[in-house]
Amino acid sequence: MATIGFLGLGNMGGPMAANLVKAGHTVQGFDFVAAARDKLVAAGGRAAADVGAAAEGADVLVSMLPEGRHVEEAYAGVGGVFDRANPGPSSSTAPLSRSTPRARWPASPRHAASR
């Protein structure tokens, strides 16, 4: 089974992450709301300390975030996904939201160096 990083454990993301745990995957999730992280732990998942920790070591990353600005910050912000996710073609990212970032994201220095 896969290790799945999950960003956004609210009304939509929380049940999705719990279902992935039920299916046998290791899910490490992050949400700014502590109660959402607690629900994931109660379902058998792991609470990540921050966005980057949820992405670190994940085979797949799922993001269920409310707005494009949240997606952009989670991925391109300092210590975010681009800084800490597995580099290279062996990792997959599935941003599942109705939001679209305003502009193309700059790659982090570590990610740019691996290209």
PDB file of N, CA and C in Angstrom:
ATOM      1  N   MET A   1       0.830  -1.184   0.000  1.00  0.00           N
ATOM      2  CA  MET A   1       0.000   0.000   0.000  1.00  0.00           C
ATOM      3  C   MET A   1       0.879   1.255   0.000  1.00  0.00           C
ATOM      4  N   ALA A   2       0.272   2.366  -0.345  1.00  0.00           N
ATOM      5  CA  ALA A   2       1.012   3.613  -0.501  1.00  0.00           C
ATOM      6  C   ALA A   2       1.016   4.459   0.768  1.00  0.00           C
ATOM      7  N   THR A   3       2.014   5.313   0.858  1.00  0.00           N
ATOM      8  CA  THR A   3       2.022   6.372   1.859  1.00  0.00           C
ATOM      9  C   THR A   3       1.466   7.607   1.170  1.00  0.00           C
ATOM     10  N   ILE A   4       0.381   8.135   1.719  1.00  0.00           N
ATOM     11  CA  ILE A   4      -0.316   9.252   1.092  1.00  0.00           C
ATOM     12  C   ILE A   4      -0.264  10.467   2.007  1.00  0.00           C
ATOM     13  N   GLY A   5       0.239  11.561   1.465  1.00  0.00           N
ATOM     14  CA  GLY A   5       0.190  12.846   2.163  1.00  0.00           C
ATOM     15  C   GLY A   5      -1.138  13.502   1.810  1.00  0.00           C
ATOM     16  N   PHE A   6      -1.791  14.085   2.786  1.00  0.00           N
ATOM     17  CA  PHE A   6      -3.102  14.679   2.542  1.00  0.00           C
ATOM     18  C   PHE A   6      -3.139  16.065   3.166  1.00  0.00           C
ATOM     19  N   LEU A   7      -3.409  17.076   2.344  1.00  0.00           N
ATOM     20  CA  LEU A   7      -3.495  18.461   2.801  1.00  0.00           C
ATOM     21  C   LEU A   7      -4.947  18.911   2.755  1.00  0.00           C
ATOM     22  N   GLY A   8      -5.483  19.293   3.896  1.00  0.00           N
ATOM     23  CA  GLY A   8      -6.875  19.733   3.972  1.00  0.00           C
ATOM     24  C   GLY A   8      -7.764  18.600   4.430  1.00  0.00           C
ATOM     25  N   LEU A   9      -8.105  18.605   5.708  1.00  0.00           N
ATOM     26  CA  LEU A   9      -8.869  17.511   6.307  1.00  0.00           C
ATOM     27  C   LEU A   9     -10.241  17.980   6.774  1.00  0.00           C
ATOM     28  N   GLY A  10     -10.818  18.910   6.039  1.00  0.00           N
ATOM     29  CA  GLY A  10     -12.116  19.467   6.417  1.00  0.00           C
ATOM     30  C   GLY A  10     -13.279  18.592   5.983  1.00  0.00           C
ATOM     31  N   ASN A  11     -14.378  19.227   5.621  1.00  0.00           N
ATOM     32  CA  ASN A  11     -15.612  18.508   5.279  1.00  0.00           C
ATOM     33  C   ASN A  11     -15.451  17.519   4.140  1.00  0.00           C
ATOM     34  N   MET A  12     -14.634  17.836   3.166  1.00  0.00           N
ATOM     35  CA  MET A  12     -14.416  16.920   2.047  1.00  0.00           C
ATOM     36  C   MET A  12     -13.164  16.077   2.237  1.00  0.00           C
ATOM     37  N   GLY A  13     -12.069  16.711   2.626  1.00  0.00           N
ATOM     38  CA  GLY A  13     -10.804  16.008   2.746  1.00  0.00           C
ATOM     39  C   GLY A  13     -10.752  15.006   3.889  1.00  0.00           C
ATOM     40  N   GLY A  14     -11.377  15.339   5.013  1.00  0.00           N
ATOM     41  CA  GLY A  14     -11.351  14.438   6.172  1.00  0.00           C
ATOM     42  C   GLY A  14     -11.919  13.060   5.871  1.00  0.00           C
ATOM     43  N   PRO A  15     -13.136  12.980   5.337  1.00  0.00           N
ATOM     44  CA  PRO A  15     -13.684  11.664   4.996  1.00  0.00           C
ATOM     45  C   PRO A  15     -12.885  10.934   3.917  1.00  0.00           C
ATOM     46  N   MET A  16     -12.352  11.681   2.953  1.00  0.00           N
ATOM     47  CA  MET A  16     -11.537  11.043   1.917  1.00  0.00           C
ATOM     48  C   MET A  16     -10.283  10.417   2.530  1.00  0.00           C
ATOM     49  N   ALA A  17      -9.621  11.158   3.412  1.00  0.00           N
ATOM     50  CA  ALA A  17      -8.419  10.642   4.062  1.00  0.00           C
ATOM     51  C   ALA A  17      -8.753   9.419   4.917  1.00  0.00           C
ATOM     52  N   ALA A  18      -9.871   9.474   5.640  1.00  0.00           N
ATOM     53  CA  ALA A  18     -10.284   8.333   6.475  1.00  0.00           C
ATOM     54  C   ALA A  18     -10.559   7.102   5.615  1.00  0.00           C
ATOM     55  N   ASN A  19     -11.167   7.287   4.458  1.00  0.00           N
ATOM     56  CA  ASN A  19     -11.425   6.154   3.557  1.00  0.00           C
ATOM     57  C   ASN A  19     -10.129   5.547   3.027  1.00  0.00           C
ATOM     58  N   LEU A  20      -9.121   6.374   2.795  1.00  0.00           N
ATOM     59  CA  LEU A  20      -7.825   5.857   2.352  1.00  0.00           C
ATOM     60  C   LEU A  20      -7.174   5.023   3.455  1.00  0.00           C
ATOM     61  N   VAL A  21      -7.345   5.460   4.711  1.00  0.00           N
ATOM     62  CA  VAL A  21      -6.831   4.671   5.835  1.00  0.00           C
ATOM     63  C   VAL A  21      -7.564   3.328   5.887  1.00  0.00           C
ATOM     64  N   LYS A  22      -8.898   3.356   5.760  1.00  0.00           N
ATOM     65  CA  LYS A  22      -9.696   2.114   5.779  1.00  0.00           C
ATOM     66  C   LYS A  22      -9.267   1.155   4.673  1.00  0.00           C
ATOM     67  N   ALA A  23      -8.823   1.702   3.555  1.00  0.00           N
ATOM     68  CA  ALA A  23      -8.386   0.879   2.425  1.00  0.00           C
ATOM     69  C   ALA A  23      -6.995   0.300   2.644  1.00  0.00           C
ATOM     70  N   GLY A  24      -6.342   0.662   3.755  1.00  0.00           N
ATOM     71  CA  GLY A  24      -5.048   0.085   4.077  1.00  0.00           C
ATOM     72  C   GLY A  24      -3.833   0.952   3.806  1.00  0.00           C
ATOM     73  N   HIS A  25      -4.058   2.182   3.346  1.00  0.00           N
ATOM     74  CA  HIS A  25      -2.940   3.085   3.063  1.00  0.00           C
ATOM     75  C   HIS A  25      -2.469   3.765   4.343  1.00  0.00           C
ATOM     76  N   THR A  26      -1.227   4.178   4.342  1.00  0.00           N
ATOM     77  CA  THR A  26      -0.705   5.029   5.404  1.00  0.00           C
ATOM     78  C   THR A  26      -0.993   6.461   4.988  1.00  0.00           C
ATOM     79  N   VAL A  27      -1.751   7.171   5.809  1.00  0.00           N
ATOM     80  CA  VAL A  27      -2.115   8.553   5.476  1.00  0.00           C
ATOM     81  C   VAL A  27      -1.523   9.477   6.526  1.00  0.00           C
ATOM     82  N   GLN A  28      -0.737  10.441   6.060  1.00  0.00           N
ATOM     83  CA  GLN A  28      -0.187  11.485   6.924  1.00  0.00           C
ATOM     84  C   GLN A  28      -0.798  12.795   6.463  1.00  0.00           C
ATOM     85  N   GLY A  29      -1.643  13.378   7.316  1.00  0.00           N
ATOM     86  CA  GLY A  29      -2.411  14.533   6.901  1.00  0.00           C
ATOM     87  C   GLY A  29      -2.158  15.768   7.728  1.00  0.00           C
ATOM     88  N   PHE A  30      -2.407  16.900   7.095  1.00  0.00           N
ATOM     89  CA  PHE A  30      -2.283  18.182   7.789  1.00  0.00           C
ATOM     90  C   PHE A  30      -3.491  19.053   7.506  1.00  0.00           C
ATOM     91  N   ASP A  31      -3.924  19.743   8.547  1.00  0.00           N
ATOM     92  CA  ASP A  31      -4.943  20.778   8.467  1.00  0.00           C
ATOM     93  C   ASP A  31      -4.603  21.785   9.556  1.00  0.00           C
ATOM     94  N   PHE A  32      -4.902  23.062   9.333  1.00  0.00           N
ATOM     95  CA  PHE A  32      -4.621  24.072  10.360  1.00  0.00           C
ATOM     96  C   PHE A  32      -5.533  23.911  11.570  1.00  0.00           C
ATOM     97  N   VAL A  33      -6.654  23.245  11.399  1.00  0.00           N
ATOM     98  CA  VAL A  33      -7.605  23.035  12.493  1.00  0.00           C
ATOM     99  C   VAL A  33      -7.235  21.737  13.219  1.00  0.00           C
ATOM    100  N   ALA A  34      -6.885  21.864  14.491  1.00  0.00           N
ATOM    101  CA  ALA A  34      -6.433  20.709  15.278  1.00  0.00           C
ATOM    102  C   ALA A  34      -7.489  19.608  15.337  1.00  0.00           C
ATOM    103  N   ALA A  35      -8.763  19.968  15.440  1.00  0.00           N
ATOM    104  CA  ALA A  35      -9.832  18.960  15.524  1.00  0.00           C
ATOM    105  C   ALA A  35      -9.880  18.098  14.266  1.00  0.00           C
ATOM    106  N   ALA A  36      -9.570  18.676  13.112  1.00  0.00           N
ATOM    107  CA  ALA A  36      -9.547  17.906  11.860  1.00  0.00           C
ATOM    108  C   ALA A  36      -8.401  16.895  11.879  1.00  0.00           C
ATOM    109  N   ARG A  37      -7.245  17.310  12.389  1.00  0.00           N
ATOM    110  CA  ARG A  37      -6.114  16.379  12.511  1.00  0.00           C
ATOM    111  C   ARG A  37      -6.450  15.265  13.503  1.00  0.00           C
ATOM    112  N   ASP A  38      -7.122  15.631  14.586  1.00  0.00           N
ATOM    113  CA  ASP A  38      -7.509  14.639  15.604  1.00  0.00           C
ATOM    114  C   ASP A  38      -8.441  13.578  15.024  1.00  0.00           C
ATOM    115  N   LYS A  39      -9.345  13.983  14.137  1.00  0.00           N
ATOM    116  CA  LYS A  39     -10.261  13.018  13.508  1.00  0.00           C
ATOM    117  C   LYS A  39      -9.487  12.024  12.646  1.00  0.00           C
ATOM    118  N   LEU A  40      -8.474  12.512  11.940  1.00  0.00           N
ATOM    119  CA  LEU A  40      -7.656  11.606  11.127  1.00  0.00           C
ATOM    120  C   LEU A  40      -6.942  10.598  12.020  1.00  0.00           C
ATOM    121  N   VAL A  41      -6.392  11.064  13.116  1.00  0.00           N
ATOM    122  CA  VAL A  41      -5.695  10.164  14.047  1.00  0.00           C
ATOM    123  C   VAL A  41      -6.683   9.131  14.611  1.00  0.00           C
ATOM    124  N   ALA A  42      -7.884   9.571  14.950  1.00  0.00           N
ATOM    125  CA  ALA A  42      -8.904   8.645  15.467  1.00  0.00           C
ATOM    126  C   ALA A  42      -9.278   7.589  14.429  1.00  0.00           C
ATOM    127  N   ALA A  43      -9.161   7.941  13.144  1.00  0.00           N
ATOM    128  CA  ALA A  43      -9.468   6.998  12.062  1.00  0.00           C
ATOM    129  C   ALA A  43      -8.289   6.074  11.745  1.00  0.00           C
ATOM    130  N   GLY A  44      -7.128   6.326  12.381  1.00  0.00           N
ATOM    131  CA  GLY A  44      -5.967   5.473  12.156  1.00  0.00           C
ATOM    132  C   GLY A  44      -4.860   6.110  11.339  1.00  0.00           C
ATOM    133  N   GLY A  45      -5.041   7.373  10.960  1.00  0.00           N
ATOM    134  CA  GLY A  45      -4.010   8.079  10.203  1.00  0.00           C
ATOM    135  C   GLY A  45      -3.026   8.770  11.122  1.00  0.00           C
ATOM    136  N   ARG A  46      -2.081   9.486  10.523  1.00  0.00           N
ATOM    137  CA  ARG A  46      -1.075  10.225  11.282  1.00  0.00           C
ATOM    138  C   ARG A  46      -1.245  11.712  11.030  1.00  0.00           C
ATOM    139  N   ALA A  47      -1.168  12.500  12.094  1.00  0.00           N
ATOM    140  CA  ALA A  47      -1.221  13.952  11.963  1.00  0.00           C
ATOM    141  C   ALA A  47       0.183  14.466  11.670  1.00  0.00           C
ATOM    142  N   ALA A  48       0.320  15.241  10.613  1.00  0.00           N
ATOM    143  CA  ALA A  48       1.603  15.862  10.287  1.00  0.00           C
ATOM    144  C   ALA A  48       1.683  17.213  10.984  1.00  0.00           C
ATOM    145  N   ALA A  49       2.890  17.622  11.346  1.00  0.00           N
ATOM    146  CA  ALA A  49       3.093  18.882  12.056  1.00  0.00           C
ATOM    147  C   ALA A  49       2.862  20.101  11.176  1.00  0.00           C
ATOM    148  N   ASP A  50       3.054  19.944   9.864  1.00  0.00           N
ATOM    149  CA  ASP A  50       2.864  21.054   8.935  1.00  0.00           C
ATOM    150  C   ASP A  50       2.705  20.499   7.517  1.00  0.00           C
ATOM    151  N   VAL A  51       2.509  21.386   6.568  1.00  0.00           N
ATOM    152  CA  VAL A  51       2.298  20.990   5.174  1.00  0.00           C
ATOM    153  C   VAL A  51       3.480  20.171   4.645  1.00  0.00           C
ATOM    154  N   GLY A  52       4.679  20.643   4.891  1.00  0.00           N
ATOM    155  CA  GLY A  52       5.861  19.948   4.398  1.00  0.00           C
ATOM    156  C   GLY A  52       6.003  18.552   4.981  1.00  0.00           C
ATOM    157  N   ALA A  53       5.672  18.405   6.252  1.00  0.00           N
ATOM    158  CA  ALA A  53       5.760  17.089   6.892  1.00  0.00           C
ATOM    159  C   ALA A  53       4.754  16.114   6.295  1.00  0.00           C
ATOM    160  N   ALA A  54       3.597  16.597   5.878  1.00  0.00           N
ATOM    161  CA  ALA A  54       2.604  15.732   5.231  1.00  0.00           C
ATOM    162  C   ALA A  54       3.116  15.248   3.880  1.00  0.00           C
ATOM    163  N   ALA A  55       3.863  16.092   3.190  1.00  0.00           N
ATOM    164  CA  ALA A  55       4.380  15.748   1.863  1.00  0.00           C
ATOM    165  C   ALA A  55       5.626  14.883   1.924  1.00  0.00           C
ATOM    166  N   GLU A  56       6.404  15.049   2.967  1.00  0.00           N
ATOM    167  CA  GLU A  56       7.691  14.367   3.085  1.00  0.00           C
ATOM    168  C   GLU A  56       7.516  12.846   3.121  1.00  0.00           C
ATOM    169  N   GLY A  57       8.170  12.166   2.201  1.00  0.00           N
ATOM    170  CA  GLY A  57       8.138  10.707   2.162  1.00  0.00           C
ATOM    171  C   GLY A  57       6.882  10.111   1.555  1.00  0.00           C
ATOM    172  N   ALA A  58       5.961  10.942   1.098  1.00  0.00           N
ATOM    173  CA  ALA A  58       4.708  10.434   0.523  1.00  0.00           C
ATOM    174  C   ALA A  58       4.919   9.944  -0.905  1.00  0.00           C
ATOM    175  N   ASP A  59       4.243   8.850  -1.237  1.00  0.00           N
ATOM    176  CA  ASP A  59       4.241   8.355  -2.615  1.00  0.00           C
ATOM    177  C   ASP A  59       3.284   9.175  -3.468  1.00  0.00           C
ATOM    178  N   VAL A  60       2.210   9.619  -2.843  1.00  0.00           N
ATOM    179  CA  VAL A  60       1.171  10.407  -3.506  1.00  0.00           C
ATOM    180  C   VAL A  60       0.783  11.529  -2.559  1.00  0.00           C
ATOM    181  N   LEU A  61       0.496  12.696  -3.110  1.00  0.00           N
ATOM    182  CA  LEU A  61       0.047  13.827  -2.303  1.00  0.00           C
ATOM    183  C   LEU A  61      -1.300  14.295  -2.828  1.00  0.00           C
ATOM    184  N   VAL A  62      -2.278  14.376  -1.938  1.00  0.00           N
ATOM    185  CA  VAL A  62      -3.611  14.857  -2.291  1.00  0.00           C
ATOM    186  C   VAL A  62      -3.841  16.155  -1.537  1.00  0.00           C
ATOM    187  N   SER A  63      -4.308  17.178  -2.237  1.00  0.00           N
ATOM    188  CA  SER A  63      -4.652  18.424  -1.555  1.00  0.00           C
ATOM    189  C   SER A  63      -6.112  18.747  -1.803  1.00  0.00           C
ATOM    190  N   MET A  64      -6.807  19.054  -0.729  1.00  0.00           N
ATOM    191  CA  MET A  64      -8.223  19.416  -0.770  1.00  0.00           C
ATOM    192  C   MET A  64      -8.331  20.736  -0.007  1.00  0.00           C
ATOM    193  N   LEU A  65      -7.987  21.798  -0.712  1.00  0.00           N
ATOM    194  CA  LEU A  65      -7.899  23.116  -0.089  1.00  0.00           C
ATOM    195  C   LEU A  65      -8.936  24.063  -0.687  1.00  0.00           C
ATOM    196  N   PRO A  66      -9.408  25.039   0.110  1.00  0.00           N
ATOM    197  CA  PRO A  66     -10.553  25.839  -0.308  1.00  0.00           C
ATOM    198  C   PRO A  66     -10.308  26.882  -1.398  1.00  0.00           C
ATOM    199  N   GLU A  67      -9.123  27.454  -1.475  1.00  0.00           N
ATOM    200  CA  GLU A  67      -8.886  28.535  -2.434  1.00  0.00           C
ATOM    201  C   GLU A  67      -7.506  28.418  -3.059  1.00  0.00           C
ATOM    202  N   GLY A  68      -7.365  29.029  -4.216  1.00  0.00           N
ATOM    203  CA  GLY A  68      -6.092  29.008  -4.924  1.00  0.00           C
ATOM    204  C   GLY A  68      -4.946  29.552  -4.105  1.00  0.00           C
ATOM    205  N   ARG A  69      -5.194  30.580  -3.308  1.00  0.00           N
ATOM    206  CA  ARG A  69      -4.118  31.153  -2.490  1.00  0.00           C
ATOM    207  C   ARG A  69      -3.618  30.138  -1.463  1.00  0.00           C
ATOM    208  N   HIS A  70      -4.521  29.269  -0.971  1.00  0.00           N
ATOM    209  CA  HIS A  70      -4.107  28.228  -0.027  1.00  0.00           C
ATOM    210  C   HIS A  70      -3.264  27.169  -0.739  1.00  0.00           C
ATOM    211  N   VAL A  71      -3.662  26.818  -1.944  1.00  0.00           N
ATOM    212  CA  VAL A  71      -2.915  25.839  -2.730  1.00  0.00           C
ATOM    213  C   VAL A  71      -1.519  26.382  -3.031  1.00  0.00           C
ATOM    214  N   GLU A  72      -1.459  27.627  -3.483  1.00  0.00           N
ATOM    215  CA  GLU A  72      -0.171  28.232  -3.828  1.00  0.00           C
ATOM    216  C   GLU A  72       0.751  28.278  -2.616  1.00  0.00           C
ATOM    217  N   GLU A  73       0.236  28.675  -1.464  1.00  0.00           N
ATOM    218  CA  GLU A  73       1.062  28.748  -0.256  1.00  0.00           C
ATOM    219  C   GLU A  73       1.517  27.355   0.186  1.00  0.00           C
ATOM    220  N   ALA A  74       0.621  26.382   0.122  1.00  0.00           N
ATOM    221  CA  ALA A  74       0.964  25.022   0.548  1.00  0.00           C
ATOM    222  C   ALA A  74       2.062  24.425  -0.324  1.00  0.00           C
ATOM    223  N   TYR A  75       2.010  24.694  -1.604  1.00  0.00           N
ATOM    224  CA  TYR A  75       2.980  24.097  -2.516  1.00  0.00           C
ATOM    225  C   TYR A  75       4.254  24.933  -2.643  1.00  0.00           C
ATOM    226  N   ALA A  76       4.121  26.240  -2.852  1.00  0.00           N
ATOM    227  CA  ALA A  76       5.280  27.077  -3.156  1.00  0.00           C
ATOM    228  C   ALA A  76       5.794  27.861  -1.954  1.00  0.00           C
ATOM    229  N   GLY A  77       5.098  27.843  -0.838  1.00  0.00           N
ATOM    230  CA  GLY A  77       5.535  28.571   0.350  1.00  0.00           C
ATOM    231  C   GLY A  77       6.770  27.946   0.976  1.00  0.00           C
ATOM    232  N   VAL A  78       7.429  28.710   1.812  1.00  0.00           N
ATOM    233  CA  VAL A  78       8.630  28.238   2.502  1.00  0.00           C
ATOM    234  C   VAL A  78       8.279  27.011   3.347  1.00  0.00           C
ATOM    235  N   GLY A  79       9.033  25.933   3.158  1.00  0.00           N
ATOM    236  CA  GLY A  79       8.792  24.703   3.894  1.00  0.00           C
ATOM    237  C   GLY A  79       7.615  23.902   3.384  1.00  0.00           C
ATOM    238  N   GLY A  80       7.095  24.294   2.223  1.00  0.00           N
ATOM    239  CA  GLY A  80       5.926  23.625   1.663  1.00  0.00           C
ATOM    240  C   GLY A  80       6.274  22.410   0.823  1.00  0.00           C
ATOM    241  N   VAL A  81       5.333  22.029  -0.010  1.00  0.00           N
ATOM    242  CA  VAL A  81       5.452  20.810  -0.807  1.00  0.00           C
ATOM    243  C   VAL A  81       6.682  20.835  -1.708  1.00  0.00           C
ATOM    244  N   PHE A  82       6.898  21.929  -2.436  1.00  0.00           N
ATOM    245  CA  PHE A  82       8.027  21.968  -3.361  1.00  0.00           C
ATOM    246  C   PHE A  82       9.367  21.851  -2.639  1.00  0.00           C
ATOM    247  N   ASP A  83       9.406  22.278  -1.396  1.00  0.00           N
ATOM    248  CA  ASP A  83      10.650  22.181  -0.630  1.00  0.00           C
ATOM    249  C   ASP A  83      10.873  20.794  -0.047  1.00  0.00           C
ATOM    250  N   ARG A  84       9.796  20.047   0.240  1.00  0.00           N
ATOM    251  CA  ARG A  84       9.973  18.825   1.023  1.00  0.00           C
ATOM    252  C   ARG A  84       9.411  17.544   0.420  1.00  0.00           C
ATOM    253  N   ALA A  85       8.689  17.614  -0.668  1.00  0.00           N
ATOM    254  CA  ALA A  85       8.154  16.395  -1.290  1.00  0.00           C
ATOM    255  C   ALA A  85       9.268  15.618  -1.968  1.00  0.00           C
ATOM    256  N   ASN A  86       9.024  14.340  -2.205  1.00  0.00           N
ATOM    257  CA  ASN A  86       9.984  13.516  -2.933  1.00  0.00           C
ATOM    258  C   ASN A  86      10.204  14.112  -4.313  1.00  0.00           C
ATOM    259  N   PRO A  87      11.441  14.406  -4.696  1.00  0.00           N
ATOM    260  CA  PRO A  87      11.687  14.935  -6.039  1.00  0.00           C
ATOM    261  C   PRO A  87      11.646  13.810  -7.075  1.00  0.00           C
ATOM    262  N   GLY A  88      11.424  14.183  -8.302  1.00  0.00           N
ATOM    263  CA  GLY A  88      11.507  13.202  -9.379  1.00  0.00           C
ATOM    264  C   GLY A  88      10.188  12.576  -9.750  1.00  0.00           C
ATOM    265  N   PRO A  89      10.235  11.724 -10.770  1.00  0.00           N
ATOM    266  CA  PRO A  89       9.018  11.146 -11.340  1.00  0.00           C
ATOM    267  C   PRO A  89       8.354  10.086 -10.474  1.00  0.00           C
ATOM    268  N   SER A  90       8.977   9.690  -9.348  1.00  0.00           N
ATOM    269  CA  SER A  90       8.381   8.636  -8.533  1.00  0.00           C
ATOM    270  C   SER A  90       7.296   9.150  -7.599  1.00  0.00           C
ATOM    271  N   SER A  91       7.053  10.461  -7.576  1.00  0.00           N
ATOM    272  CA  SER A  91       6.000  10.999  -6.711  1.00  0.00           C
ATOM    273  C   SER A  91       4.893  11.594  -7.565  1.00  0.00           C
ATOM    274  N   SER A  92       3.677  11.506  -7.070  1.00  0.00           N
ATOM    275  CA  SER A  92       2.515  12.035  -7.786  1.00  0.00           C
ATOM    276  C   SER A  92       1.793  13.033  -6.903  1.00  0.00           C
ATOM    277  N   THR A  93       1.170  14.023  -7.533  1.00  0.00           N
ATOM    278  CA  THR A  93       0.411  15.024  -6.804  1.00  0.00           C
ATOM    279  C   THR A  93      -0.964  15.141  -7.427  1.00  0.00           C
ATOM    280  N   ALA A  94      -1.984  15.150  -6.589  1.00  0.00           N
ATOM    281  CA  ALA A  94      -3.357  15.282  -7.067  1.00  0.00           C
ATOM    282  C   ALA A  94      -4.046  16.416  -6.328  1.00  0.00           C
ATOM    283  N   PRO A  95      -3.979  17.664  -6.872  1.00  0.00           N
ATOM    284  CA  PRO A  95      -4.679  18.754  -6.213  1.00  0.00           C
ATOM    285  C   PRO A  95      -6.173  18.683  -6.551  1.00  0.00           C
ATOM    286  N   LEU A  96      -6.988  18.347  -5.589  1.00  0.00           N
ATOM    287  CA  LEU A  96      -8.422  18.188  -5.807  1.00  0.00           C
ATOM    288  C   LEU A  96      -9.161  19.354  -5.187  1.00  0.00           C
ATOM    289  N   SER A  97      -9.438  20.351  -5.984  1.00  0.00           N
ATOM    290  CA  SER A  97     -10.182  21.494  -5.484  1.00  0.00           C
ATOM    291  C   SER A  97     -10.780  22.244  -6.661  1.00  0.00           C
ATOM    292  N   ARG A  98     -11.658  23.149  -6.345  1.00  0.00           N
ATOM    293  CA  ARG A  98     -12.246  23.990  -7.378  1.00  0.00           C
ATOM    294  C   ARG A  98     -11.439  25.251  -7.550  1.00  0.00           C
ATOM    295  N   SER A  99     -10.331  25.357  -6.846  1.00  0.00           N
ATOM    296  CA  SER A  99      -9.534  26.570  -6.875  1.00  0.00           C
ATOM    297  C   SER A  99      -8.409  26.458  -7.890  1.00  0.00           C
ATOM    298  N   THR A 100      -8.005  27.593  -8.419  1.00  0.00           N
ATOM    299  CA  THR A 100      -6.909  27.645  -9.370  1.00  0.00           C
ATOM    300  C   THR A 100      -5.962  28.754  -8.941  1.00  0.00           C
ATOM    301  N   PRO A 101      -4.677  28.462  -8.808  1.00  0.00           N
ATOM    302  CA  PRO A 101      -3.730  29.516  -8.432  1.00  0.00           C
ATOM    303  C   PRO A 101      -3.725  30.638  -9.461  1.00  0.00           C
ATOM    304  N   ARG A 102      -3.446  31.855  -9.004  1.00  0.00           N
ATOM    305  CA  ARG A 102      -3.447  33.040  -9.860  1.00  0.00           C
ATOM    306  C   ARG A 102      -2.368  32.983 -10.930  1.00  0.00           C
ATOM    307  N   ALA A 103      -1.221  32.509 -10.557  1.00  0.00           N
ATOM    308  CA  ALA A 103      -0.087  32.538 -11.477  1.00  0.00           C
ATOM    309  C   ALA A 103       0.670  31.221 -11.407  1.00  0.00           C
ATOM    310  N   ARG A 104       1.543  31.041 -12.345  1.00  0.00           N
ATOM    311  CA  ARG A 104       2.389  29.846 -12.330  1.00  0.00           C
ATOM    312  C   ARG A 104       3.324  29.929 -11.128  1.00  0.00           C
ATOM    313  N   TRP A 105       3.479  28.810 -10.423  1.00  0.00           N
ATOM    314  CA  TRP A 105       4.311  28.792  -9.222  1.00  0.00           C
ATOM    315  C   TRP A 105       5.779  28.733  -9.580  1.00  0.00           C
ATOM    316  N   PRO A 106       6.585  29.476  -8.850  1.00  0.00           N
ATOM    317  CA  PRO A 106       8.036  29.312  -9.049  1.00  0.00           C
ATOM    318  C   PRO A 106       8.468  28.033  -8.344  1.00  0.00           C
ATOM    319  N   ALA A 107       9.414  27.340  -8.917  1.00  0.00           N
ATOM    320  CA  ALA A 107       9.943  26.131  -8.278  1.00  0.00           C
ATOM    321  C   ALA A 107      10.853  26.533  -7.131  1.00  0.00           C
ATOM    322  N   SER A 108      10.870  25.755  -6.090  1.00  0.00           N
ATOM    323  CA  SER A 108      11.787  26.009  -4.997  1.00  0.00           C
ATOM    324  C   SER A 108      13.205  25.748  -5.502  1.00  0.00           C
ATOM    325  N   PRO A 109      14.207  26.316  -4.853  1.00  0.00           N
ATOM    326  CA  PRO A 109      15.589  26.077  -5.309  1.00  0.00           C
ATOM    327  C   PRO A 109      15.948  24.591  -5.331  1.00  0.00           C
ATOM    328  N   ARG A 110      15.514  23.813  -4.339  1.00  0.00           N
ATOM    329  CA  ARG A 110      15.834  22.389  -4.304  1.00  0.00           C
ATOM    330  C   ARG A 110      15.165  21.667  -5.458  1.00  0.00           C
ATOM    331  N   HIS A 111      13.912  22.016  -5.733  1.00  0.00           N
ATOM    332  CA  HIS A 111      13.180  21.350  -6.809  1.00  0.00           C
ATOM    333  C   HIS A 111      13.765  21.725  -8.175  1.00  0.00           C
ATOM    334  N   ALA A 112      14.102  22.992  -8.339  1.00  0.00           N
ATOM    335  CA  ALA A 112      14.671  23.445  -9.620  1.00  0.00           C
ATOM    336  C   ALA A 112      15.992  22.741  -9.896  1.00  0.00           C
ATOM    337  N   ALA A 113      16.794  22.510  -8.863  1.00  0.00           N
ATOM    338  CA  ALA A 113      18.090  21.864  -9.033  1.00  0.00           C
ATOM    339  C   ALA A 113      17.955  20.410  -9.447  1.00  0.00           C
ATOM    340  N   SER A 114      16.813  19.772  -9.112  1.00  0.00           N
ATOM    341  CA  SER A 114      16.648  18.358  -9.446  1.00  0.00           C
ATOM    342  C   SER A 114      16.121  18.150 -10.849  1.00  0.00           C
ATOM    343  N   ARG A 115      15.792  19.217 -11.542  1.00  0.00           N
ATOM    344  CA  ARG A 115      15.241  19.096 -12.905  1.00  0.00           C
ATOM    345  C   ARG A 115      16.303  18.983 -13.938  1.00  0.00           C
TER     346      ARG A 115
END
